[in-house]
Protein backbone atom coordinates (compact mmCIF):
# COMPACT_ATOMS: atom_id res chain seq x y z
CA MET A 1 -217.80 -45.37 -23.76
CA PRO A 2 -214.75 -44.86 -21.13
CA SER A 3 -215.47 -45.66 -17.74
CA LEU A 4 -215.91 -43.30 -14.93
CA ALA A 5 -212.59 -44.23 -13.75
CA GLU A 6 -211.06 -43.60 -17.12
CA GLN A 7 -212.71 -40.42 -17.58
CA PHE A 8 -211.52 -39.11 -14.22
CA ALA A 9 -208.01 -39.88 -15.32
CA ARG A 10 -208.47 -37.84 -18.60
CA LEU A 11 -209.58 -34.85 -16.40
CA PRO A 12 -207.41 -32.03 -17.64
CA GLU A 13 -207.44 -30.01 -14.29
CA LEU A 14 -206.12 -33.22 -12.71
CA LEU A 15 -203.26 -33.80 -15.48
CA ALA A 16 -202.64 -30.42 -14.66
CA CYS A 17 -201.93 -31.04 -11.28
CA LEU A 18 -200.19 -33.99 -11.84
CA GLY A 19 -197.99 -32.47 -14.40
CA GLN A 20 -197.02 -29.71 -11.86
CA CYS A 21 -195.90 -32.27 -9.25
CA VAL A 22 -193.66 -34.02 -11.56
CA LEU A 23 -190.03 -33.33 -11.34
CA ASN A 24 -188.32 -36.12 -13.40
CA ARG A 25 -187.51 -35.47 -17.15
CA ARG A 26 -187.76 -39.07 -17.82
CA LEU A 27 -191.34 -39.59 -16.51
CA LEU A 28 -192.49 -36.57 -18.04
CA TYR A 29 -191.14 -37.77 -21.55
CA ASP A 30 -192.77 -41.10 -20.80
CA LEU A 31 -196.01 -39.67 -19.61
CA CYS A 32 -196.13 -37.68 -22.99
CA LEU A 33 -195.80 -40.83 -25.24
CA THR A 34 -198.58 -42.84 -23.33
CA SER A 35 -201.47 -41.19 -25.32
CA ARG A 36 -202.56 -37.90 -27.01
CA THR A 37 -204.69 -36.69 -24.23
CA PHE A 38 -201.39 -37.13 -22.18
CA ASN A 39 -199.28 -35.68 -24.35
CA ALA A 40 -201.36 -32.67 -24.76
CA SER A 41 -201.36 -32.39 -20.97
CA PHE A 42 -198.06 -32.78 -20.24
CA THR A 43 -195.70 -31.38 -22.94
CA ALA A 44 -196.24 -28.14 -21.71
CA PHE A 45 -194.47 -28.79 -18.37
CA LEU A 46 -191.83 -31.02 -19.94
CA TYR A 47 -191.01 -27.96 -21.76
CA ALA A 48 -191.45 -25.46 -19.46
CA GLU A 49 -187.51 -25.38 -18.70
CA VAL A 50 -184.72 -26.46 -20.88
CA TRP A 51 -181.24 -26.31 -19.84
CA PHE A 52 -178.00 -26.64 -21.81
CA THR A 53 -174.68 -27.86 -20.02
CA GLU A 54 -171.93 -29.73 -21.28
CA GLN A 55 -173.83 -32.94 -21.38
CA ASN A 56 -176.35 -32.18 -23.92
CA ALA A 57 -174.87 -29.05 -25.52
CA HIS A 58 -174.12 -31.18 -28.64
CA VAL A 59 -177.78 -31.21 -29.63
CA LEU A 60 -177.15 -27.07 -30.45
CA PHE A 61 -174.92 -28.30 -33.95
CA GLU A 62 -176.05 -31.83 -34.20
CA ASP A 63 -179.52 -31.44 -35.34
CA PHE A 64 -180.25 -27.72 -34.31
CA GLU A 65 -182.57 -27.38 -37.40
CA GLY A 66 -184.41 -29.94 -35.69
CA LEU A 67 -184.47 -28.31 -32.50
CA LEU A 68 -185.77 -24.94 -33.94
CA ASN A 69 -188.84 -26.61 -35.79
CA ASN A 70 -190.05 -28.17 -32.43
CA LYS A 71 -193.24 -26.33 -32.08
CA SER A 72 -193.20 -26.79 -27.86
CA TRP A 73 -190.69 -23.71 -27.45
CA LYS A 74 -193.95 -21.66 -26.87
CA TYR A 75 -194.38 -23.61 -23.49
CA THR A 76 -190.80 -22.48 -22.48
CA LYS A 77 -190.70 -20.07 -19.24
CA THR A 78 -186.96 -20.85 -18.36
CA LEU A 79 -183.90 -21.04 -20.60
CA ASP A 80 -180.58 -21.81 -18.66
CA PHE A 81 -177.22 -22.10 -20.35
CA THR A 82 -174.89 -23.11 -18.04
CA ILE A 83 -172.18 -24.74 -20.57
CA ARG A 84 -168.68 -25.06 -19.05
CA ARG A 85 -165.88 -24.20 -21.27
CA GLN A 86 -164.29 -27.45 -22.36
CA PRO A 87 -163.68 -29.30 -25.80
CA LEU A 88 -166.79 -31.56 -26.28
CA PRO A 89 -166.66 -34.81 -27.68
CA ASP A 90 -166.54 -35.97 -31.40
CA THR A 91 -165.91 -32.44 -32.46
CA ASP A 92 -162.82 -30.25 -33.49
CA ARG A 93 -164.17 -26.82 -32.76
CA SER A 94 -162.26 -24.08 -31.21
CA GLU A 95 -163.41 -22.53 -28.13
CA GLY A 96 -163.88 -19.55 -30.13
CA GLU A 97 -166.03 -21.35 -32.37
CA LEU A 98 -168.26 -22.98 -29.64
CA CYS A 99 -168.68 -19.64 -28.02
CA GLN A 100 -170.22 -18.08 -31.06
CA LEU A 101 -172.45 -21.40 -31.99
CA TYR A 102 -173.63 -21.33 -28.20
CA ASN A 103 -174.89 -17.43 -28.66
CA GLU A 104 -176.32 -17.76 -32.06
CA ALA A 105 -177.84 -20.90 -30.74
CA ALA A 106 -179.38 -18.86 -27.97
CA GLN A 107 -180.60 -15.91 -30.12
CA GLU A 108 -182.35 -18.34 -32.48
CA LEU A 109 -184.37 -20.05 -29.81
CA LEU A 110 -184.73 -16.93 -28.17
CA LEU A 111 -187.08 -15.98 -31.02
CA ARG A 112 -189.14 -18.77 -30.52
CA THR A 113 -190.02 -18.24 -26.46
CA ARG A 114 -191.84 -15.06 -26.49
CA GLY A 115 -192.96 -16.29 -23.22
CA LEU A 116 -189.90 -16.78 -21.37
CA ILE A 117 -189.68 -15.42 -17.78
CA ARG A 118 -186.24 -16.55 -16.30
CA PHE A 119 -182.95 -16.75 -18.57
CA SER A 120 -179.69 -17.82 -17.12
CA TRP A 121 -176.03 -17.81 -18.61
CA GLU A 122 -172.83 -18.97 -17.26
CA HIS A 123 -168.93 -19.70 -17.99
CA GLN A 124 -169.31 -18.49 -21.77
CA PRO A 125 -168.41 -15.13 -23.06
CA LEU A 126 -172.25 -13.42 -23.54
CA TYR A 127 -172.62 -11.56 -26.75
CA ALA A 128 -174.11 -7.87 -26.36
CA THR A 129 -176.54 -9.43 -29.47
CA THR A 130 -177.46 -11.73 -27.27
CA LEU A 131 -178.51 -9.93 -24.40
CA SER A 132 -180.13 -7.53 -26.71
CA THR A 133 -182.20 -10.20 -28.55
CA LEU A 134 -183.26 -11.23 -24.88
CA TYR A 135 -184.84 -8.07 -24.28
CA HIS A 136 -186.46 -7.42 -27.68
CA GLN A 137 -188.19 -10.90 -27.83
CA CYS A 138 -189.09 -11.55 -24.31
CA PRO A 139 -191.19 -9.03 -22.63
CA ARG A 140 -191.98 -11.08 -19.78
CA LEU A 141 -188.83 -11.52 -18.43
CA GLN A 142 -188.66 -11.40 -14.85
CA SER A 143 -184.96 -12.93 -13.91
CA LEU A 144 -181.94 -12.53 -15.05
CA LYS A 145 -178.80 -14.14 -13.74
CA VAL A 146 -175.41 -13.70 -15.65
CA HIS A 147 -172.09 -15.36 -14.46
CA TYR A 148 -169.34 -13.97 -17.09
CA PRO A 149 -166.30 -16.47 -17.44
CA TYR A 150 -164.01 -15.57 -13.79
CA ASP A 151 -160.90 -14.95 -16.64
CA ILE A 152 -163.29 -12.66 -18.61
CA GLU A 153 -160.65 -10.10 -18.49
CA GLY A 154 -157.91 -11.97 -19.51
CA MET A 155 -160.41 -12.89 -22.47
CA LEU A 156 -160.34 -9.23 -23.24
CA GLY A 157 -156.81 -8.61 -22.94
CA ILE A 158 -156.86 -6.21 -20.25
CA ALA A 159 -155.72 -8.37 -16.98
CA VAL A 160 -152.68 -7.22 -15.49
CA GLU A 161 -151.18 -10.76 -16.29
CA SER A 162 -152.44 -11.87 -19.81
CA SER A 163 -151.17 -15.25 -21.51
CA TRP A 164 -153.67 -15.18 -24.48
CA ASP A 165 -153.86 -18.47 -26.63
CA HIS A 166 -154.61 -17.17 -29.88
CA ARG A 167 -155.28 -20.33 -31.29
CA ASP A 168 -158.62 -20.62 -29.35
CA GLY A 169 -160.41 -18.69 -31.52
CA LEU A 170 -161.45 -15.97 -29.09
CA TRP A 171 -159.13 -13.22 -29.57
CA GLU A 172 -161.13 -12.21 -33.01
CA LEU A 173 -164.57 -12.21 -31.21
CA ARG A 174 -163.68 -9.62 -28.72
CA PRO A 175 -165.83 -7.16 -29.70
CA LEU A 176 -169.08 -9.11 -29.64
CA PHE A 177 -168.71 -9.77 -25.71
CA ALA A 178 -166.39 -6.38 -24.76
CA THR A 179 -169.71 -4.81 -23.16
CA GLN A 180 -173.25 -5.15 -22.71
CA ASP A 181 -176.26 -3.25 -22.03
CA LEU A 182 -177.91 -4.40 -18.78
CA SER A 183 -179.87 -0.84 -18.72
CA LEU A 184 -182.29 -2.55 -21.11
CA PHE A 185 -184.08 -4.18 -18.52
CA THR A 186 -187.00 -3.33 -16.54
CA ASP A 187 -189.66 -5.03 -14.00
CA LEU A 188 -187.20 -7.86 -12.98
CA ILE A 189 -188.06 -9.44 -9.94
CA GLU A 190 -184.44 -11.54 -9.68
CA LEU A 191 -181.09 -9.94 -10.54
CA GLU A 192 -177.99 -11.90 -10.15
CA ILE A 193 -174.91 -10.37 -11.88
CA HIS A 194 -171.30 -12.05 -11.03
CA GLU A 195 -167.61 -11.49 -12.16
CA ILE A 196 -168.60 -7.67 -12.96
CA HIS A 197 -165.48 -6.24 -14.66
CA GLY A 198 -164.00 -3.91 -17.26
CA ASP A 199 -165.31 -0.17 -16.72
CA LEU A 200 -167.15 -0.25 -13.20
CA THR A 201 -168.58 3.11 -13.22
CA ASP A 202 -170.50 1.66 -16.65
CA MET A 203 -171.65 -1.46 -15.04
CA ARG A 204 -172.72 -0.03 -11.67
CA ARG A 205 -175.13 2.64 -14.01
CA GLY A 206 -176.42 -0.18 -15.60
CA ILE A 207 -177.33 -2.02 -12.51
CA VAL A 208 -178.85 0.96 -10.89
CA ASP A 209 -181.28 1.46 -14.22
CA ILE A 210 -182.31 -2.09 -13.61
CA LEU A 211 -183.30 -1.50 -10.02
CA LEU A 212 -184.83 2.13 -10.87
CA LYS A 213 -186.90 0.34 -13.74
CA SER A 214 -187.86 -2.84 -10.96
CA PRO A 215 -189.27 -1.49 -7.87
CA ASN A 216 -190.83 -5.45 -7.32
CA MET A 217 -186.93 -6.87 -7.37
CA GLY A 218 -187.42 -9.59 -4.94
CA SER A 219 -183.79 -11.37 -5.22
CA LEU A 220 -180.50 -9.62 -5.60
CA SER A 221 -176.55 -11.29 -6.10
CA LEU A 222 -173.80 -9.15 -7.40
CA SER A 223 -169.74 -9.61 -7.29
CA LEU A 224 -166.87 -8.40 -8.79
CA ASN A 225 -164.13 -9.97 -10.69
CA ALA A 226 -161.17 -10.98 -9.03
CA ASP A 227 -158.90 -9.86 -12.07
CA THR A 228 -160.73 -6.77 -12.36
CA LEU A 229 -159.56 -5.86 -8.79
CA PHE A 230 -155.86 -6.70 -9.11
CA ARG A 231 -155.91 -4.61 -12.33
CA ILE A 232 -157.47 -1.61 -10.54
CA GLU A 233 -155.14 -2.22 -7.47
CA GLN A 234 -151.95 -2.39 -9.52
CA ASP A 235 -152.59 0.17 -12.59
CA GLY A 236 -156.03 2.45 -10.97
CA THR A 237 -155.74 5.65 -9.69
CA GLU A 238 -156.54 6.72 -6.48
CA GLU A 239 -160.07 7.73 -7.44
CA GLN A 240 -160.83 3.98 -9.39
CA MET A 241 -159.53 2.41 -6.00
CA ASP A 242 -162.15 4.02 -4.08
CA GLU A 243 -164.58 3.29 -6.33
CA TYR A 244 -164.02 -0.80 -6.04
CA ILE A 245 -163.50 -0.16 -2.55
CA ARG A 246 -166.76 1.17 -1.84
CA PHE A 247 -168.83 0.15 -4.81
CA PHE A 248 -171.76 -1.01 -2.80
CA ASN A 249 -172.06 2.58 -0.94
CA CYS A 250 -171.64 4.20 -4.38
CA LEU A 251 -174.20 2.32 -5.99
CA THR A 252 -176.78 2.89 -3.33
CA ASP A 253 -175.85 6.53 -3.28
CA GLU A 254 -176.83 6.62 -7.00
CA TYR A 255 -179.69 4.62 -6.81
CA VAL A 256 -180.92 7.38 -4.10
CA ALA A 257 -179.57 10.24 -5.60
CA ARG A 258 -181.80 9.37 -8.78
CA GLY A 259 -184.71 8.78 -7.31
CA GLY A 260 -185.00 5.20 -6.07
CA GLY A 261 -187.10 3.89 -3.13
CA GLN A 262 -186.50 1.27 -0.81
CA LEU A 263 -187.01 -2.21 -2.49
CA LYS A 264 -188.33 -4.93 -0.99
CA LEU A 265 -185.92 -7.69 -1.11
CA ARG A 266 -186.44 -11.13 0.47
CA LYS A 267 -182.46 -12.13 -0.65
CA LEU A 268 -179.48 -10.11 -1.04
CA ALA A 269 -176.08 -11.64 -2.04
CA LEU A 270 -173.23 -9.23 -1.71
CA GLU A 271 -170.28 -11.23 -2.56
CA LEU A 272 -166.69 -10.50 -3.71
CA SER A 273 -165.81 -6.55 -3.16
CA PHE A 274 -169.70 -5.86 -2.67
CA THR A 275 -169.36 -4.97 1.08
CA PRO A 276 -171.09 -2.36 2.56
CA LEU A 277 -168.85 -0.10 4.37
CA GLN A 278 -168.90 2.07 7.06
CA ASP A 279 -167.36 5.62 7.00
CA GLU A 280 -167.96 9.29 8.52
CA GLN A 281 -171.09 10.07 7.17
CA GLN A 282 -173.12 6.86 7.01
CA GLU A 283 -173.45 3.44 9.07
CA PRO A 284 -173.12 0.50 7.07
CA THR A 285 -177.38 -0.40 7.78
CA ASN A 286 -178.25 3.38 6.89
CA TYR A 287 -176.54 1.97 3.27
CA LEU A 288 -178.67 -1.19 3.21
CA ASP A 289 -181.76 0.64 4.68
CA ARG A 290 -181.66 2.90 1.80
CA LEU A 291 -181.53 0.41 -0.90
CA THR A 292 -183.98 -1.98 0.83
CA ASP A 293 -186.53 -2.64 3.52
CA LEU A 294 -184.48 -4.51 5.99
CA ALA A 295 -187.64 -5.64 7.99
CA LEU A 296 -188.48 -7.91 5.02
CA LEU A 297 -185.15 -9.57 4.36
CA GLU A 298 -185.30 -13.34 4.64
CA GLU A 299 -181.96 -14.38 3.34
CA ALA A 300 -178.70 -12.47 3.01
CA TYR A 301 -174.93 -13.23 2.42
CA ILE A 302 -172.32 -10.86 3.13
CA GLY A 303 -168.71 -11.36 1.52
CA ASN A 304 -166.17 -10.37 4.12
CA GLY A 305 -163.42 -11.69 2.66
CA GLY A 306 -162.13 -13.84 -0.12
CA LEU A 307 -159.02 -12.40 -1.47
CA GLU A 308 -156.45 -10.70 0.68
CA MET A 309 -156.78 -7.61 -1.77
CA ALA A 310 -160.53 -7.65 -2.56
CA LEU A 311 -160.84 -5.41 1.07
CA SER A 312 -158.45 -3.12 1.32
CA ILE A 313 -159.55 -1.76 5.16
CA GLU A 314 -157.16 -1.66 7.81
CA GLN A 315 -159.75 -2.06 10.66
CA GLY A 316 -160.89 -5.80 9.11
CA ASP A 317 -164.45 -6.41 8.98
CA THR A 318 -165.55 -4.28 11.87
CA HIS A 319 -166.59 -1.71 9.29
CA ILE A 320 -169.24 -4.25 8.49
CA GLY A 321 -172.00 -3.48 11.29
CA TRP A 322 -172.35 -7.28 11.92
CA GLY A 323 -174.56 -6.41 15.44
CA ASN A 324 -177.36 -4.90 12.87
CA PHE A 325 -178.76 -8.24 11.78
CA THR A 326 -180.86 -8.95 14.57
CA PRO A 327 -184.41 -9.69 15.27
CA SER A 328 -185.15 -6.06 15.62
CA THR A 329 -184.00 -4.84 12.34
CA CYS A 330 -184.20 -7.86 10.50
CA PRO A 331 -187.48 -9.82 12.42
CA LYS A 332 -187.92 -12.39 9.24
CA LEU A 333 -184.02 -12.88 8.45
CA SER A 334 -183.50 -16.80 8.85
CA THR A 335 -180.62 -17.40 6.18
CA PHE A 336 -177.49 -16.30 6.41
CA GLY A 337 -173.90 -16.73 4.98
CA PHE A 338 -170.66 -15.34 4.94
CA TYR A 339 -167.07 -15.57 3.78
CA GLN A 340 -164.75 -16.07 6.73
CA VAL A 341 -164.86 -16.91 10.11
CA THR A 342 -163.26 -13.56 11.87
CA ASP A 343 -163.45 -12.29 15.85
CA GLU A 344 -166.15 -9.72 14.50
CA VAL A 345 -168.48 -12.70 13.41
CA LYS A 346 -167.85 -14.49 16.48
CA ARG A 347 -168.97 -11.81 18.64
CA TRP A 348 -171.83 -10.97 16.68
CA VAL A 349 -172.82 -14.79 16.50
CA LYS A 350 -172.85 -14.86 20.23
CA GLU A 351 -175.27 -12.03 20.77
CA LEU A 352 -177.85 -13.80 18.45
CA GLU A 353 -180.47 -15.74 19.75
CA PRO A 354 -180.65 -19.14 19.54
CA GLY A 355 -183.51 -20.38 16.99
CA TYR A 356 -183.07 -16.86 14.98
CA LEU A 357 -181.43 -18.33 12.05
CA SER A 358 -182.03 -21.74 11.13
CA GLN A 359 -179.70 -21.97 7.86
CA LEU A 360 -176.06 -20.42 8.05
CA ARG A 361 -173.51 -20.66 5.38
CA LEU A 362 -169.56 -20.74 5.93
CA ASP A 363 -167.49 -20.59 2.84
CA ASP A 364 -164.07 -20.37 4.13
CA SER A 365 -163.96 -21.85 7.96
CA LYS A 366 -161.74 -24.09 10.00
CA GLY A 367 -163.03 -26.95 12.11
CA GLU A 368 -162.63 -25.36 14.95
CA ASP A 369 -164.49 -22.14 14.25
CA ILE A 370 -167.55 -23.91 13.56
CA SER A 371 -168.08 -25.21 17.42
CA ASP A 372 -169.01 -21.46 17.77
CA PHE A 373 -172.10 -21.78 16.18
CA CYS A 374 -173.83 -24.58 17.77
CA ALA A 375 -176.06 -22.60 20.03
CA LEU A 376 -177.48 -21.17 16.45
CA PHE A 377 -179.08 -24.41 16.12
CA GLU A 378 -180.82 -24.84 19.71
CA GLY A 379 -184.52 -24.22 19.99
CA ILE A 380 -185.18 -24.32 16.35
CA ASP A 381 -188.97 -25.13 15.40
CA THR A 382 -188.30 -28.10 13.05
CA ILE A 383 -191.86 -29.37 13.06
CA TYR A 384 -193.83 -26.37 11.78
CA SER A 385 -190.89 -24.67 9.76
CA SER A 386 -191.31 -24.69 6.16
CA ARG A 387 -187.09 -24.78 5.64
CA PRO A 388 -185.03 -27.14 7.20
CA SER A 389 -182.46 -26.22 9.94
CA MET A 390 -179.30 -26.24 7.46
CA LEU A 391 -175.63 -25.67 7.70
CA THR A 392 -173.59 -25.18 4.48
CA ILE A 393 -169.63 -25.16 4.77
CA VAL A 394 -167.72 -25.01 1.21
CA LYS A 395 -164.28 -25.20 2.97
CA ALA A 396 -164.82 -27.63 6.00
CA VAL A 397 -161.53 -29.24 6.88
CA LYS A 398 -158.28 -30.30 5.31
CA SER A 399 -157.08 -32.83 7.35
CA LEU A 400 -158.33 -34.84 10.43
CA ASP A 401 -157.12 -33.91 14.17
CA ALA A 402 -154.65 -35.22 16.06
CA HIS A 403 -157.07 -38.41 17.09
CA GLY A 404 -157.60 -39.37 13.41
CA ALA A 405 -161.43 -37.78 14.10
CA PHE A 406 -163.32 -35.33 11.87
CA PRO A 407 -162.64 -32.18 13.36
CA LEU A 408 -166.03 -30.76 13.44
CA PRO A 409 -168.69 -30.57 16.39
CA THR A 410 -171.88 -32.48 16.18
CA PHE A 411 -175.37 -30.40 15.54
CA PRO A 412 -177.62 -33.26 16.89
CA SER A 413 -180.79 -30.81 15.83
CA LEU A 414 -179.29 -30.32 12.20
CA GLN A 415 -181.57 -31.71 9.35
CA ALA A 416 -179.70 -30.60 6.18
CA LEU A 417 -175.95 -30.21 5.62
CA SER A 418 -173.83 -29.32 2.62
CA ILE A 419 -169.99 -29.85 3.04
CA SER A 420 -167.04 -29.49 1.07
CA LEU A 421 -163.97 -31.19 1.77
CA GLU A 422 -160.60 -31.10 0.02
CA TYR A 423 -160.61 -35.23 -0.61
CA ILE A 424 -161.85 -38.05 0.70
CA THR A 425 -159.61 -41.00 1.55
CA PRO A 426 -160.60 -44.50 3.29
CA VAL A 427 -159.41 -42.55 6.66
CA ILE A 428 -161.25 -39.55 6.19
CA LYS A 429 -164.23 -41.35 4.86
CA SER A 430 -164.41 -43.59 7.98
CA ALA A 431 -164.20 -40.51 10.30
CA PHE A 432 -166.63 -38.80 8.33
CA LEU A 433 -169.16 -41.91 9.05
CA THR A 434 -168.50 -41.67 12.39
CA TRP A 435 -168.94 -37.83 12.84
CA VAL A 436 -172.09 -37.82 10.74
CA LYS A 437 -173.98 -40.42 12.49
CA GLY A 438 -173.79 -37.88 15.25
CA LEU A 439 -176.65 -35.86 13.08
CA THR A 440 -179.50 -38.01 14.30
CA CYS A 441 -182.03 -35.67 12.61
CA LEU A 442 -180.06 -35.35 9.48
CA GLU A 443 -182.52 -35.77 6.53
CA GLN A 444 -180.67 -34.11 3.72
CA LEU A 445 -176.98 -34.49 3.20
CA SER A 446 -174.53 -33.11 -0.10
CA LEU A 447 -170.94 -34.10 -0.10
CA HIS A 448 -168.49 -32.59 -2.33
CA HIS A 449 -164.75 -32.91 -2.77
CA THR A 450 -162.14 -31.04 -5.00
CA ARG A 451 -159.51 -33.78 -5.50
CA TRP A 452 -158.87 -37.89 -6.17
CA LYS A 453 -162.41 -38.28 -7.35
CA LEU A 454 -164.09 -41.58 -7.02
CA THR A 455 -166.04 -44.16 -9.40
CA ASP A 456 -169.59 -44.21 -9.57
CA GLU A 457 -169.90 -47.26 -7.87
CA GLU A 458 -167.43 -46.52 -5.29
CA TYR A 459 -169.49 -43.32 -4.08
CA GLU A 460 -172.64 -45.16 -4.42
CA ILE A 461 -170.96 -47.83 -2.08
CA PHE A 462 -170.06 -44.97 0.37
CA GLY A 463 -173.64 -43.68 -0.09
CA ARG A 464 -175.20 -46.87 1.02
CA LYS A 465 -172.75 -46.86 4.51
CA ILE A 466 -173.80 -43.03 5.09
CA ALA A 467 -177.65 -44.04 4.59
CA LEU A 468 -177.47 -47.01 6.86
CA ASN A 469 -175.79 -45.22 9.49
CA ASN A 470 -178.61 -42.03 9.45
CA LYS A 471 -181.93 -43.34 9.68
CA LYS A 472 -183.73 -40.05 9.00
CA LEU A 473 -181.53 -39.53 5.98
CA ARG A 474 -184.15 -39.10 2.84
CA TYR A 475 -181.71 -37.17 0.60
CA LEU A 476 -178.18 -37.80 -0.53
CA LYS A 477 -175.81 -36.41 -2.99
CA LEU A 478 -171.95 -37.36 -3.19
CA GLU A 479 -170.29 -35.07 -6.08
CA GLY A 480 -172.70 -35.26 -9.18
CA LEU A 481 -174.63 -38.05 -8.10
CA ALA A 482 -178.10 -37.56 -6.23
CA TRP A 483 -180.62 -40.00 -5.06
CA ARG A 484 -183.54 -40.23 -2.85
CA VAL A 485 -183.07 -42.67 0.09
CA TRP A 486 -185.67 -45.39 1.01
CA HIS A 487 -184.92 -47.15 4.53
CA ASP A 488 -186.72 -50.75 3.97
CA GLY A 489 -186.34 -51.94 7.71
CA GLU A 490 -184.19 -54.43 8.50
CA TYR A 491 -183.39 -58.07 7.24
CA LYS A 492 -181.60 -60.50 9.40
CA GLY A 493 -180.95 -58.10 12.10
CA ARG A 494 -179.68 -55.46 9.61
CA GLY A 495 -180.76 -52.59 8.19
CA VAL A 496 -181.89 -52.25 4.59
CA CYS A 497 -181.80 -49.15 2.60
CA ARG A 498 -182.44 -48.33 -1.30
CA LEU A 499 -180.91 -45.29 -3.00
CA GLU A 500 -183.24 -44.16 -6.17
CA LYS A 501 -181.30 -41.94 -8.66
CA LEU A 502 -182.74 -38.35 -9.12
CA ASP A 503 -182.35 -36.64 -12.20
CA ARG A 504 -180.82 -32.77 -12.02
CA PHE A 505 -184.25 -31.09 -11.92
CA GLU A 506 -185.27 -33.22 -8.83
CA SER A 507 -182.08 -32.57 -7.49
CA ARG A 508 -182.11 -28.67 -7.61
CA GLU A 509 -185.48 -28.91 -5.49
CA VAL A 510 -183.33 -30.10 -2.34
CA GLU A 511 -182.02 -27.10 -0.70
CA ALA A 512 -179.03 -28.77 0.79
CA PHE A 513 -177.96 -30.37 -2.69
CA ASN A 514 -177.36 -26.52 -3.71
CA LEU A 515 -173.91 -26.02 -2.82
CA LYS A 516 -171.84 -23.43 -5.00
CA PRO A 517 -168.96 -21.62 -3.88
CA CYS A 518 -169.42 -17.80 -3.78
CA PHE A 519 -166.03 -17.50 -5.09
CA SER A 520 -165.51 -20.10 -7.14
CA SER A 521 -161.65 -18.98 -8.57
CA THR A 522 -160.18 -19.46 -5.00
CA GLY A 523 -159.48 -23.13 -3.74
CA PHE A 524 -158.20 -24.82 -0.95
């Protein structure tokens, strides 16, 4: 007879609690192999989320039959397809063949995931039949995220400057991904549609249909495609120009005209050309307030730039009405982001009370601009706050200052930092180490750079130096490598630390590691 300790360790309730806490997929897999009891308890957690990337996409054609025959798909609640468009090793399939394969594989898997709650699709063209299968086979769906390819208009042959490669196999497939019916979906809690393209009127109506049928929507993120904007500016009529410039206003007007009530959004991201504009009839907050109850808003992103022509408004971003994001209008707002630091933004920030915002995101900023935001992080209650005080800088600096120093101010109370540089050289490494040492409360750090990648060994050596300089650091990410930091005291008068690698599921739970440029088509 098993001992009391063994009986306790096999309690289903205890194992279920443990499974919810284990994020590392390798550890979950090992637990499933421990015993039949553990297998029965942990398999549901191992398959709760399935994530296909270019690293594991080969399983979709190497042993797809075996994959389909796996009986554990019934446990899957989240299905992510984030496979970049790039040649896969050991295959001579064209881009079109891979696109067809991924869509067909997704449709087959959706037939086996009736309990699916969240679906995400990025980088690849999305077939209308894939979206239709998702709707008909997954009635419990609550979250839909679709990021169309940034060059989707070129794929469709409607971009202003299309240099089509007829050998990639996508040309013949255009009718399969030319249009999608977004209006199918109902009762969503989260909606994220990026790179909206093609006929903007049809796309807008589809989004309005979803909003009308999803009164409990809590998160909304939208952006237009840059090539679509170029096309309309070059060849569009005056009515079409007004359509894209006032896209958010038109969406709100249509939503209200069709009987839509105030949503209860906690998160709102209005990215490329989704800016709420001011006109003679309505203040910008009237448009926002007609769409959602601002008193409940916790996170917001306003895209006030990105492309010179993306916001063809003579008065700059004065039309946005930054001063309306205040404690009186948005008392729960704690996270805010924008694309550019402008004079209007600076004036708005100076009027905010210190501690009102605990997390700030800047997508395109110069080093000297960031000093205007130091006061925001003063007075933040870091002890009782559920989220760390965090600064995200997507385009931080291109070079050091005249004295060879990192041209950013220090934030002594900052707990988390996501930062993106153009490149890392030995000189920049040294300057960065000196600067980041001044962030004495830093617990999470993510550093990304766009050029001159290092080897994994070089990143680990650099990461160890950062960890030794910052005694409170608990999580560190350099490019695609992420670690949990263990500080083991001192040995012979010198600090000792260990770096424990995290898998992608663990990394995603660290707030500072979620750096993602809003306008990926633009660079340094």
